[in-house]
Amino acid sequence: MASTLRKALLALLFVGLAIPLADCGRKGPLEPPPDSDYPRTYPAE
């Protein structure tokens, strides 16, 4: 019984720590800033 409780608490802890990590990332559109000149072409040598 204690082993089952320990496994359940460990699983709950793991899920509780994994959920915030799954929420990371960019939320907005992937557009460059208005004053950005990237990508730009460089002169050939």
C-alpha atoms as a PDB file:
ATOM      1  CA  MET A   1       0.000   0.000   0.000  1.00  0.00           C
ATOM      2  CA  ALA A   2       2.787   2.451   0.876  1.00  0.00           C
ATOM      3  CA  SER A   3       4.549   1.578  -2.362  1.00  0.00           C
ATOM      4  CA  THR A   4       1.425   2.438  -4.375  1.00  0.00           C
ATOM      5  CA  LEU A   5       1.047   5.748  -2.540  1.00  0.00           C
ATOM      6  CA  ARG A   6       4.700   6.556  -3.115  1.00  0.00           C
ATOM      7  CA  LYS A   7       4.366   5.825  -6.852  1.00  0.00           C
ATOM      8  CA  ALA A   8       1.232   7.957  -7.087  1.00  0.00           C
ATOM      9  CA  LEU A   9       2.896  10.896  -5.323  1.00  0.00           C
ATOM     10  CA  LEU A  10       5.970  10.565  -7.509  1.00  0.00           C
ATOM     11  CA  ALA A  11       3.823  10.553 -10.644  1.00  0.00           C
ATOM     12  CA  LEU A  12       1.887  13.588  -9.393  1.00  0.00           C
ATOM     13  CA  LEU A  13       5.133  15.408  -8.662  1.00  0.00           C
ATOM     14  CA  PHE A  14       6.485  14.565 -12.103  1.00  0.00           C
ATOM     15  CA  VAL A  15       3.343  15.807 -13.842  1.00  0.00           C
ATOM     16  CA  GLY A  16       3.307  18.927 -11.690  1.00  0.00           C
ATOM     17  CA  LEU A  17       6.862  19.745 -12.721  1.00  0.00           C
ATOM     18  CA  ALA A  18       6.352  18.864 -16.392  1.00  0.00           C
ATOM     19  CA  ILE A  19       3.247  20.986 -17.033  1.00  0.00           C
ATOM     20  CA  PRO A  20       4.983  24.385 -16.688  1.00  0.00           C
ATOM     21  CA  LEU A  21       7.751  23.232 -19.009  1.00  0.00           C
ATOM     22  CA  ALA A  22       5.239  22.220 -21.652  1.00  0.00           C
ATOM     23  CA  ASP A  23       3.800  25.723 -21.590  1.00  0.00           C
ATOM     24  CA  CYS A  24       7.061  27.445 -22.538  1.00  0.00           C
ATOM     25  CA  GLY A  25       7.551  28.835 -26.011  1.00  0.00           C
ATOM     26  CA  ARG A  26       6.665  31.714 -28.238  1.00  0.00           C
ATOM     27  CA  LYS A  27       3.023  32.678 -28.121  1.00  0.00           C
ATOM     28  CA  GLY A  28       2.875  35.320 -30.868  1.00  0.00           C
ATOM     29  CA  PRO A  29       3.391  35.200 -34.619  1.00  0.00           C
ATOM     30  CA  LEU A  30       6.901  34.571 -35.885  1.00  0.00           C
ATOM     31  CA  GLU A  31       7.421  37.925 -37.579  1.00  0.00           C
ATOM     32  CA  PRO A  32      10.569  40.069 -37.489  1.00  0.00           C
ATOM     33  CA  PRO A  33      10.441  43.403 -35.673  1.00  0.00           C
ATOM     34  CA  PRO A  34       9.411  46.389 -37.846  1.00  0.00           C
ATOM     35  CA  ASP A  35      12.885  47.992 -37.903  1.00  0.00           C
ATOM     36  CA  SER A  36      14.756  44.762 -38.636  1.00  0.00           C
ATOM     37  CA  ASP A  37      16.776  44.338 -41.839  1.00  0.00           C
ATOM     38  CA  TYR A  38      17.261  40.591 -41.400  1.00  0.00           C
ATOM     39  CA  PRO A  39      17.748  38.665 -43.641  1.00  0.00           C
ATOM     40  CA  ARG A  40      19.883  40.861 -45.822  1.00  0.00           C
ATOM     41  CA  THR A  41      22.064  40.071 -48.799  1.00  0.00           C
ATOM     42  CA  TYR A  42      25.786  40.578 -48.524  1.00  0.00           C
ATOM     43  CA  PRO A  43      27.975  41.577 -51.451  1.00  0.00           C
ATOM     44  CA  ALA A  44      29.791  38.736 -53.150  1.00  0.00           C
ATOM     45  CA  GLU A  45      33.570  38.858 -52.984  1.00  0.00           C
END
